[in-house]
Amino acid sequence: MLHDAIALRPSPAGAPPGVPLARQAPSPCVVRVRAAGATALDHAPDHAPDDVPGDGLGRAGDWRVAGVELPPSATGSGAAGDLVEVLAAPDVRLVTLGPLDGAGGATAHDVLVRALARRRALGTGPFTVLHLDPLPRGAARTRQAVLELARAQDPGLAAWIARHGAFPGSVPDPAPPQATGARWLVEDAFCAGHPPPEALGITLVPSTAPWEALRRRLDQGARWALGAVSGSTGGPSPAQTLSDPCVRGFLRGFLDEFTGTAPGVPDDHLARYRAAVVTDLAAATGPLEPPPVPRLLRETVLPTLRRGLDRGHPVGHLALAAAAWLATSAGRSGGPGDDLDATALVRDHPGGLGPLVEDVRLTRVLQGALDRLAAGALGELGRAA
C-alpha cells in the first residue's frame, strides 16, 4: 500500500546507542485512478509509467506513479475504503481521473471527499485533483460535485477544500506536438506540486479558458460553414461533403478567416487546431448536423466578417458562407442563375439581422458573394477569397 511506503534508514554513523532510527519521507506520488475496465491509456500518455510489475509503482521524474482501479461502488466496498486510505497518505500529492460515467463519477467524488477529510483530520494538506475529461468544463464540474458532497457532510471541510485544494482545468490537444507527444493542455494551478509535465503527457498553460472557447468556436463554425455551403439539413456526412477537394479547401480558408487570432492561444497551436478540426470532420460518418440557429450568424460570423473588413483582412470565405446561409434560409438555392439582393435578404431575415442593412460595406460584400454564387462559385470554393 502507498501509505506504508515510509522507509526507515539507519541513524548517521557514530550516533550514540539507543538513538531511534530516522524516518525518511518517500518521494511524492501521483495516483492515477481509472474506471473499472478502462485502460491506463484512457488518460495517460503512451510513454508514462503505469501499473508496472511489482509494487505497482513507476516513475515520473522524481515522483512515483501508481495506477489504481476505481471500485464499482463507494458503499459497502472494502476496495473503496482501501482507496481512501491510499489517497489519504501524505506522500500522495496529485490524483488524476480519467473519463467517468455517472456511477463512476459518484464513486470517485465520494472517495475523494473521504480521503480529503482524512487528510484534513491528520493535518495534511490536500492533493490536486486533475480530471482529464474530454467533455467541456470537466474539472469545474468535478470541483463542484466534490464541494457539494463535502458541504453536505461538513461545511468546514468544503471550505477547506475550496481554499486549499486545486482542480486544474484540462483540454485535450487534438493535434499533439510531435516533440513532446503531450495529449492534454492543463491549467498550471496545482496545490501540492506536480511531476515534470512531459512525464505526464501534458502541456501547462496559464488558463484553459481560451482553448475551450477556441474548440467550441472552431467546431461550431466548421459545421455551420459546411451546412451553409452544402445546403445540408442533416443529409450527407461531413466525410462525404469534404471528399470534394474544393469544399475541403473552402473549409480551411473559412477557418483561417473565422479564427484569424485567438487571444491566449499561440499561433502554431491555432494552426494545428484548425487542421485537426478539418481532419476530424473528414473522418465523421454520421449525418452532417443542420446549421445552427441564426444566432451564430448574427453574433459570431457576421461580427467576425465586419472586424475583418475593418482590419483589411481577407473575408471571402466568410462572405460566401454567410451569403449561402442567407439564400438557403430564404428558401432559395443561391446557385447559378439565382439572382438575389443582399440588402433584402438581410432586412427580411427572421433572425433579427435587419439593423445590419445600415452597414453598407457588409451588404456590398454579401452582394458580391451572392453574385459569385450565382455565377457558380460553389465549384470554386477553394479559391473563394
Protein backbone atom coordinates (compact mmCIF):
# COMPACT_ATOMS: atom_id res chain seq x y z
CA MET A 1 0.00 0.00 0.00
CA LEU A 2 1.22 3.50 -0.75
CA HIS A 3 0.57 4.70 2.79
CA ASP A 4 3.01 2.07 4.09
CA ALA A 5 5.81 3.35 1.85
CA ILE A 6 7.70 5.22 4.59
CA ALA A 7 11.17 3.70 4.69
CA LEU A 8 13.44 3.57 7.74
CA ARG A 9 17.08 4.43 7.35
CA PRO A 10 19.86 3.97 9.92
CA SER A 11 20.97 6.83 12.09
CA PRO A 12 24.14 8.57 10.94
CA ALA A 13 27.37 6.72 11.61
CA GLY A 14 28.71 7.31 15.06
CA ALA A 15 25.35 8.10 16.65
CA PRO A 16 25.10 7.11 20.31
CA PRO A 17 23.47 3.77 21.05
CA GLY A 18 19.75 3.94 21.55
CA VAL A 19 19.17 6.77 19.04
CA PRO A 20 15.96 5.82 17.19
CA LEU A 21 16.03 5.19 13.51
CA ALA A 22 15.16 8.27 11.44
CA ARG A 23 12.12 8.16 9.20
CA GLN A 24 12.76 9.10 5.60
CA ALA A 25 9.75 10.51 3.82
CA PRO A 26 9.24 8.90 0.43
CA SER A 27 9.26 10.87 -2.77
CA PRO A 28 5.95 12.46 -3.73
CA CYS A 29 3.44 10.28 -5.52
CA VAL A 30 0.82 10.71 -8.24
CA VAL A 31 -2.04 8.21 -8.25
CA ARG A 32 -3.91 7.55 -11.47
CA VAL A 33 -7.48 6.47 -10.75
CA ARG A 34 -9.38 5.00 -13.66
CA ALA A 35 -12.80 3.49 -14.10
CA ALA A 36 -13.22 -0.27 -13.86
CA GLY A 37 -12.33 -1.83 -17.21
CA ALA A 38 -10.65 1.32 -18.55
CA THR A 39 -7.08 1.19 -19.75
CA ALA A 40 -4.30 3.39 -18.48
CA LEU A 41 -4.08 4.97 -21.91
CA ASP A 42 -7.55 6.45 -21.50
CA HIS A 43 -5.89 9.33 -19.73
CA ALA A 44 -2.16 8.67 -19.74
CA PRO A 45 0.43 9.12 -22.50
CA ASP A 46 1.97 6.08 -24.12
CA HIS A 47 5.35 6.67 -22.57
CA ALA A 48 4.22 7.36 -19.00
CA PRO A 49 4.72 4.59 -16.42
CA ASP A 50 1.60 2.97 -15.03
CA ASP A 51 0.91 -0.30 -13.24
CA VAL A 52 4.45 -1.61 -13.60
CA PRO A 53 5.11 -5.07 -12.18
CA GLY A 54 5.97 -5.47 -8.51
CA ASP A 55 4.66 -2.79 -6.17
CA GLY A 56 2.61 -1.03 -8.83
CA LEU A 57 4.88 2.00 -8.88
CA GLY A 58 6.56 3.68 -11.82
CA ARG A 59 8.45 6.93 -12.10
CA ALA A 60 7.71 10.39 -13.47
CA GLY A 61 10.88 12.34 -12.85
CA ASP A 62 11.44 12.27 -9.08
CA TRP A 63 7.80 11.29 -8.49
CA ARG A 64 6.41 7.82 -8.04
CA VAL A 65 3.41 6.87 -10.18
CA ALA A 66 0.76 4.33 -9.22
CA GLY A 67 -2.27 3.22 -11.20
CA VAL A 68 -5.37 2.01 -9.37
CA GLU A 69 -8.84 0.99 -10.46
CA LEU A 70 -11.92 2.75 -9.14
CA PRO A 71 -14.24 0.40 -7.20
CA PRO A 72 -17.68 -0.14 -8.75
CA SER A 73 -19.37 1.37 -5.69
CA ALA A 74 -18.38 3.57 -2.78
CA THR A 75 -20.86 1.98 -0.37
CA GLY A 76 -20.27 -1.40 1.22
CA SER A 77 -16.99 -1.77 -0.63
CA GLY A 78 -13.77 -2.66 1.12
CA ALA A 79 -11.92 -1.64 -2.04
CA ALA A 80 -13.32 1.88 -1.71
CA GLY A 81 -12.07 2.06 1.87
CA ASP A 82 -8.65 0.85 0.77
CA LEU A 83 -8.53 3.53 -1.92
CA VAL A 84 -9.44 6.19 0.64
CA GLU A 85 -6.50 5.04 2.76
CA VAL A 86 -4.19 5.18 -0.23
CA LEU A 87 -5.21 8.72 -1.17
CA ALA A 88 -5.01 9.87 2.44
CA ALA A 89 -1.28 9.07 2.56
CA PRO A 90 0.71 12.32 2.93
CA ASP A 91 3.06 11.44 0.05
CA VAL A 92 0.17 11.49 -2.44
CA ARG A 93 0.27 14.97 -3.98
CA LEU A 94 -1.65 14.50 -7.23
CA VAL A 95 -4.65 12.35 -8.16
CA THR A 96 -5.64 12.04 -11.82
CA LEU A 97 -9.01 10.84 -13.02
CA GLY A 98 -9.86 9.56 -16.46
CA PRO A 99 -13.30 9.74 -18.14
CA LEU A 100 -16.04 8.56 -15.78
CA ASP A 101 -19.69 7.69 -16.29
CA GLY A 102 -22.41 8.76 -13.85
CA ALA A 103 -21.94 5.90 -11.37
CA GLY A 104 -18.16 6.08 -11.63
CA GLY A 105 -18.25 9.82 -11.08
CA ALA A 106 -20.35 9.46 -7.93
CA THR A 107 -17.96 6.83 -6.55
CA ALA A 108 -14.92 8.95 -7.35
CA HIS A 109 -16.41 12.03 -5.70
CA ASP A 110 -17.24 10.06 -2.55
CA VAL A 111 -13.73 8.57 -2.34
CA LEU A 112 -12.13 11.97 -2.92
CA VAL A 113 -14.20 13.64 -0.20
CA ARG A 114 -13.47 10.87 2.32
CA ALA A 115 -9.74 10.96 1.55
CA LEU A 116 -9.60 14.76 1.78
CA ALA A 117 -11.49 14.64 5.08
CA ARG A 118 -8.95 12.16 6.43
CA ARG A 119 -6.05 14.36 5.33
CA ARG A 120 -7.62 17.39 6.97
CA ALA A 121 -8.09 15.50 10.23
CA LEU A 122 -4.44 14.39 10.11
CA GLY A 123 -3.22 17.93 9.43
CA THR A 124 -2.07 17.02 5.91
CA GLY A 125 -2.69 19.39 3.03
CA PRO A 126 -4.96 18.39 0.15
CA PHE A 127 -3.82 16.79 -3.08
CA THR A 128 -4.54 18.22 -6.52
CA VAL A 129 -7.38 16.55 -8.44
CA LEU A 130 -6.64 16.51 -12.15
CA HIS A 131 -9.67 15.28 -14.11
CA LEU A 132 -8.62 14.59 -17.68
CA ASP A 133 -12.09 14.73 -19.19
CA PRO A 134 -12.67 15.37 -22.91
CA LEU A 135 -16.03 16.98 -22.13
CA PRO A 136 -16.03 20.77 -21.66
CA ARG A 137 -15.52 22.08 -18.11
CA GLY A 138 -14.91 18.62 -16.68
CA ALA A 139 -12.65 19.97 -13.93
CA ALA A 140 -15.18 22.61 -12.89
CA ARG A 141 -17.95 20.02 -12.70
CA THR A 142 -15.77 17.70 -10.60
CA ARG A 143 -14.86 20.52 -8.22
CA GLN A 144 -18.50 21.48 -7.84
CA ALA A 145 -19.56 17.89 -7.16
CA VAL A 146 -16.82 17.37 -4.56
CA LEU A 147 -17.62 20.64 -2.78
CA GLU A 148 -21.35 19.92 -2.71
CA LEU A 149 -20.79 16.45 -1.27
CA ALA A 150 -18.31 17.78 1.29
CA ARG A 151 -20.66 20.62 2.26
CA ALA A 152 -23.45 18.16 2.94
CA GLN A 153 -21.18 16.31 5.37
CA ASP A 154 -19.20 19.18 6.90
CA PRO A 155 -19.30 22.82 5.74
CA GLY A 156 -15.87 23.33 7.26
CA LEU A 157 -14.43 20.55 5.11
CA ALA A 158 -15.94 22.12 1.98
CA ALA A 159 -14.44 25.49 2.88
CA TRP A 160 -11.03 23.87 3.48
CA ILE A 161 -11.11 22.11 0.09
CA ALA A 162 -12.25 25.27 -1.68
CA ARG A 163 -9.47 27.32 -0.08
CA HIS A 164 -6.55 24.92 -0.21
CA GLY A 165 -7.38 22.33 -2.88
CA ALA A 166 -6.95 22.54 -6.62
CA PHE A 167 -8.87 21.21 -9.61
CA PRO A 168 -6.95 22.48 -12.66
CA GLY A 169 -8.82 22.62 -15.95
CA SER A 170 -7.80 20.39 -18.84
CA VAL A 171 -8.47 20.31 -22.57
CA PRO A 172 -7.45 17.51 -24.94
CA ASP A 173 -4.99 18.64 -27.58
CA PRO A 174 -6.41 17.41 -30.92
CA ALA A 175 -3.03 17.75 -32.58
CA PRO A 176 -0.30 16.94 -30.04
CA PRO A 177 3.13 18.37 -30.86
CA GLN A 178 5.45 15.65 -32.12
CA ALA A 179 8.31 16.93 -29.96
CA THR A 180 6.56 16.12 -26.67
CA GLY A 181 3.58 13.94 -27.52
CA ALA A 182 1.59 15.84 -24.87
CA ARG A 183 -2.06 14.97 -25.31
CA TRP A 184 -3.56 17.39 -22.77
CA LEU A 185 -3.39 21.11 -22.08
CA VAL A 186 -3.62 21.60 -18.31
CA GLU A 187 -4.06 24.75 -16.26
CA ASP A 188 -0.97 25.48 -14.19
CA ALA A 189 -2.84 25.53 -10.88
CA PHE A 190 -1.61 22.76 -8.59
CA CYS A 191 -1.76 22.92 -4.79
CA ALA A 192 0.92 20.32 -4.00
CA GLY A 193 3.36 20.40 -6.90
CA HIS A 194 3.48 18.12 -9.93
CA PRO A 195 5.89 15.85 -11.80
CA PRO A 196 7.61 17.09 -14.96
CA PRO A 197 4.76 17.88 -17.39
CA GLU A 198 6.30 15.80 -20.17
CA ALA A 199 6.32 12.77 -17.88
CA LEU A 200 2.55 13.09 -17.52
CA GLY A 201 1.95 13.82 -21.20
CA ILE A 202 0.61 17.31 -20.51
CA THR A 203 1.42 20.87 -21.51
CA LEU A 204 0.93 23.52 -18.83
CA VAL A 205 -0.92 26.71 -19.80
CA PRO A 206 -1.96 29.72 -17.69
CA SER A 207 -5.65 29.04 -18.31
CA THR A 208 -7.64 26.55 -20.37
CA ALA A 209 -10.49 29.03 -20.95
CA PRO A 210 -9.08 30.34 -24.29
CA TRP A 211 -8.64 26.77 -25.51
CA GLU A 212 -12.18 25.81 -24.51
CA ALA A 213 -13.55 28.84 -26.35
CA LEU A 214 -11.42 28.10 -29.41
CA ARG A 215 -12.54 24.47 -29.52
CA ARG A 216 -16.21 25.47 -29.40
CA ARG A 217 -15.74 28.21 -31.97
CA LEU A 218 -13.87 26.01 -34.44
CA ASP A 219 -16.25 23.06 -34.15
CA GLN A 220 -19.40 25.15 -34.38
CA GLY A 221 -18.01 27.33 -37.14
CA ALA A 222 -16.82 24.40 -39.24
CA ARG A 223 -20.14 22.57 -39.03
CA TRP A 224 -22.05 25.78 -39.73
CA ALA A 225 -19.92 26.58 -42.78
CA LEU A 226 -20.24 23.06 -44.20
CA GLY A 227 -24.00 23.10 -43.73
CA ALA A 228 -24.28 26.57 -45.24
CA VAL A 229 -22.41 25.89 -48.46
CA SER A 230 -23.83 22.42 -48.95
CA GLY A 231 -27.41 23.37 -48.12
CA SER A 232 -27.45 20.31 -45.85
CA THR A 233 -30.21 19.73 -43.33
CA GLY A 234 -28.90 16.51 -41.85
CA GLY A 235 -28.15 14.69 -45.08
CA PRO A 236 -24.65 13.83 -46.32
CA SER A 237 -21.97 13.11 -43.76
CA PRO A 238 -19.09 15.55 -43.26
CA ALA A 239 -16.81 12.91 -44.79
CA GLN A 240 -18.91 12.85 -47.97
CA THR A 241 -19.08 16.63 -48.14
CA LEU A 242 -15.35 17.05 -47.58
CA SER A 243 -14.43 14.42 -50.15
CA ASP A 244 -14.74 17.28 -52.64
CA PRO A 245 -11.29 18.98 -52.68
CA CYS A 246 -12.91 22.36 -53.37
CA VAL A 247 -15.11 22.11 -50.29
CA ARG A 248 -12.16 20.99 -48.19
CA GLY A 249 -10.12 23.92 -49.43
CA PHE A 250 -13.02 26.25 -48.70
CA LEU A 251 -13.33 24.99 -45.11
CA ARG A 252 -9.64 25.55 -44.49
CA GLY A 253 -9.94 29.09 -45.79
CA PHE A 254 -13.10 29.72 -43.78
CA LEU A 255 -11.45 28.59 -40.53
CA ASP A 256 -8.39 30.75 -41.25
CA GLU A 257 -10.66 33.79 -41.52
CA PHE A 258 -13.05 32.74 -38.76
CA THR A 259 -10.23 32.34 -36.21
CA GLY A 260 -7.52 34.64 -37.51
CA THR A 261 -6.28 35.08 -33.95
CA ALA A 262 -7.30 33.63 -30.61
CA PRO A 263 -6.19 35.58 -27.51
CA GLY A 264 -4.19 33.34 -25.20
CA VAL A 265 -3.50 30.69 -27.87
CA PRO A 266 -0.15 30.66 -29.72
CA ASP A 267 -0.38 30.85 -33.49
CA ASP A 268 1.27 27.45 -34.00
CA HIS A 269 -1.32 25.80 -31.75
CA LEU A 270 -4.10 27.64 -33.57
CA ALA A 271 -2.93 26.29 -36.93
CA ARG A 272 -2.79 22.74 -35.55
CA TYR A 273 -6.28 23.10 -34.10
CA ARG A 274 -7.71 24.24 -37.43
CA ALA A 275 -6.10 21.35 -39.28
CA ALA A 276 -7.31 18.86 -36.65
CA VAL A 277 -10.92 20.07 -36.98
CA VAL A 278 -10.87 19.50 -40.73
CA THR A 279 -9.27 16.07 -40.29
CA ASP A 280 -11.81 15.02 -37.65
CA LEU A 281 -14.79 16.14 -39.75
CA ALA A 282 -13.37 14.40 -42.82
CA ALA A 283 -13.49 11.13 -40.85
CA ALA A 284 -17.02 11.65 -39.46
CA THR A 285 -19.50 9.22 -40.98
CA GLY A 286 -22.72 10.36 -39.30
CA PRO A 287 -25.15 12.84 -40.89
CA LEU A 288 -23.99 16.43 -41.12
CA GLU A 289 -25.94 18.30 -38.48
CA PRO A 290 -28.07 21.19 -39.73
CA PRO A 291 -26.52 24.64 -39.42
CA PRO A 292 -27.15 26.21 -36.01
CA VAL A 293 -29.85 28.78 -35.40
CA PRO A 294 -29.30 32.28 -36.84
CA ARG A 295 -27.78 33.34 -33.52
CA LEU A 296 -24.37 32.01 -34.62
CA LEU A 297 -24.61 34.01 -37.84
CA ARG A 298 -25.77 37.15 -36.04
CA GLU A 299 -23.46 37.02 -33.02
CA THR A 300 -20.33 35.35 -34.37
CA VAL A 301 -19.97 35.01 -38.15
CA LEU A 302 -21.15 38.45 -39.27
CA PRO A 303 -19.29 40.32 -36.48
CA THR A 304 -16.13 38.42 -37.46
CA LEU A 305 -16.70 39.40 -41.08
CA ARG A 306 -17.17 43.05 -40.08
CA ARG A 307 -13.97 43.04 -37.99
CA GLY A 308 -12.13 41.57 -40.94
CA LEU A 309 -13.37 44.43 -43.13
CA ASP A 310 -12.29 46.97 -40.50
CA ARG A 311 -8.79 45.50 -40.38
CA GLY A 312 -8.38 44.83 -44.06
CA HIS A 313 -8.21 41.05 -43.58
CA PRO A 314 -9.39 38.51 -46.18
CA VAL A 315 -13.11 37.73 -45.74
CA GLY A 316 -14.01 35.94 -48.98
CA HIS A 317 -14.76 32.56 -47.38
CA LEU A 318 -16.73 34.13 -44.55
CA ALA A 319 -18.79 36.14 -47.03
CA LEU A 320 -19.54 33.13 -49.23
CA ALA A 321 -20.70 31.05 -46.27
CA ALA A 322 -22.87 33.88 -44.91
CA ALA A 323 -24.36 34.55 -48.34
CA ALA A 324 -25.12 30.87 -48.90
CA TRP A 325 -26.83 30.65 -45.50
CA LEU A 326 -28.92 33.77 -46.18
CA ALA A 327 -30.03 32.35 -49.52
CA THR A 328 -30.86 28.92 -48.09
CA SER A 329 -32.79 30.38 -45.15
CA ALA A 330 -34.89 32.37 -47.62
CA GLY A 331 -35.80 29.18 -49.43
CA ARG A 332 -33.52 29.91 -52.38
CA SER A 333 -30.68 27.86 -53.75
CA GLY A 334 -28.26 30.72 -54.18
CA GLY A 335 -26.81 28.73 -57.04
CA PRO A 336 -26.24 29.54 -60.71
CA GLY A 337 -28.86 31.88 -62.11
CA ASP A 338 -30.44 32.68 -58.73
CA ASP A 339 -30.47 36.49 -58.69
CA LEU A 340 -30.69 37.66 -55.09
CA ASP A 341 -30.44 41.03 -53.36
CA ALA A 342 -28.27 41.05 -50.22
CA THR A 343 -29.96 44.10 -48.70
CA ALA A 344 -33.39 42.50 -48.99
CA LEU A 345 -32.17 39.18 -47.56
CA VAL A 346 -30.63 40.87 -44.53
CA ARG A 347 -33.60 43.20 -43.98
CA ASP A 348 -36.22 40.45 -44.22
CA HIS A 349 -34.32 37.74 -42.35
CA PRO A 350 -36.36 36.43 -39.39
CA GLY A 351 -33.26 36.12 -37.25
CA GLY A 352 -33.12 39.80 -36.36
CA LEU A 353 -30.49 40.87 -38.88
CA GLY A 354 -32.46 43.93 -40.04
CA PRO A 355 -30.26 46.60 -38.39
CA LEU A 356 -27.27 45.33 -40.35
CA VAL A 357 -28.69 46.79 -43.57
CA GLU A 358 -27.23 50.11 -42.40
CA ASP A 359 -23.73 48.67 -42.81
CA VAL A 360 -23.15 49.43 -46.47
CA ARG A 361 -19.76 47.70 -46.56
CA LEU A 362 -21.26 44.50 -45.22
CA THR A 363 -24.18 44.38 -47.63
CA ARG A 364 -21.80 45.17 -50.51
CA VAL A 365 -19.53 42.27 -49.59
CA LEU A 366 -22.52 39.95 -49.19
CA GLN A 367 -23.88 41.06 -52.54
CA GLY A 368 -20.56 40.25 -54.16
CA ALA A 369 -20.64 36.80 -52.56
CA LEU A 370 -24.22 36.22 -53.79
CA ASP A 371 -23.17 37.24 -57.29
CA ARG A 372 -20.27 34.77 -57.15
CA LEU A 373 -22.63 32.01 -56.01
CA ALA A 374 -24.99 32.84 -58.86
CA ALA A 375 -22.03 32.59 -61.23
CA GLY A 376 -21.20 29.08 -59.95
CA ALA A 377 -18.67 29.90 -57.20
CA LEU A 378 -19.60 26.74 -55.31
CA GLY A 379 -17.50 24.92 -57.86
CA GLU A 380 -14.51 27.06 -56.90
CA LEU A 381 -14.84 27.16 -53.14
CA GLY A 382 -11.18 26.55 -52.53
CA ARG A 383 -10.44 29.87 -54.26
CA ALA A 384 -13.15 31.89 -52.53
CA ALA A 385 -11.03 34.72 -51.22
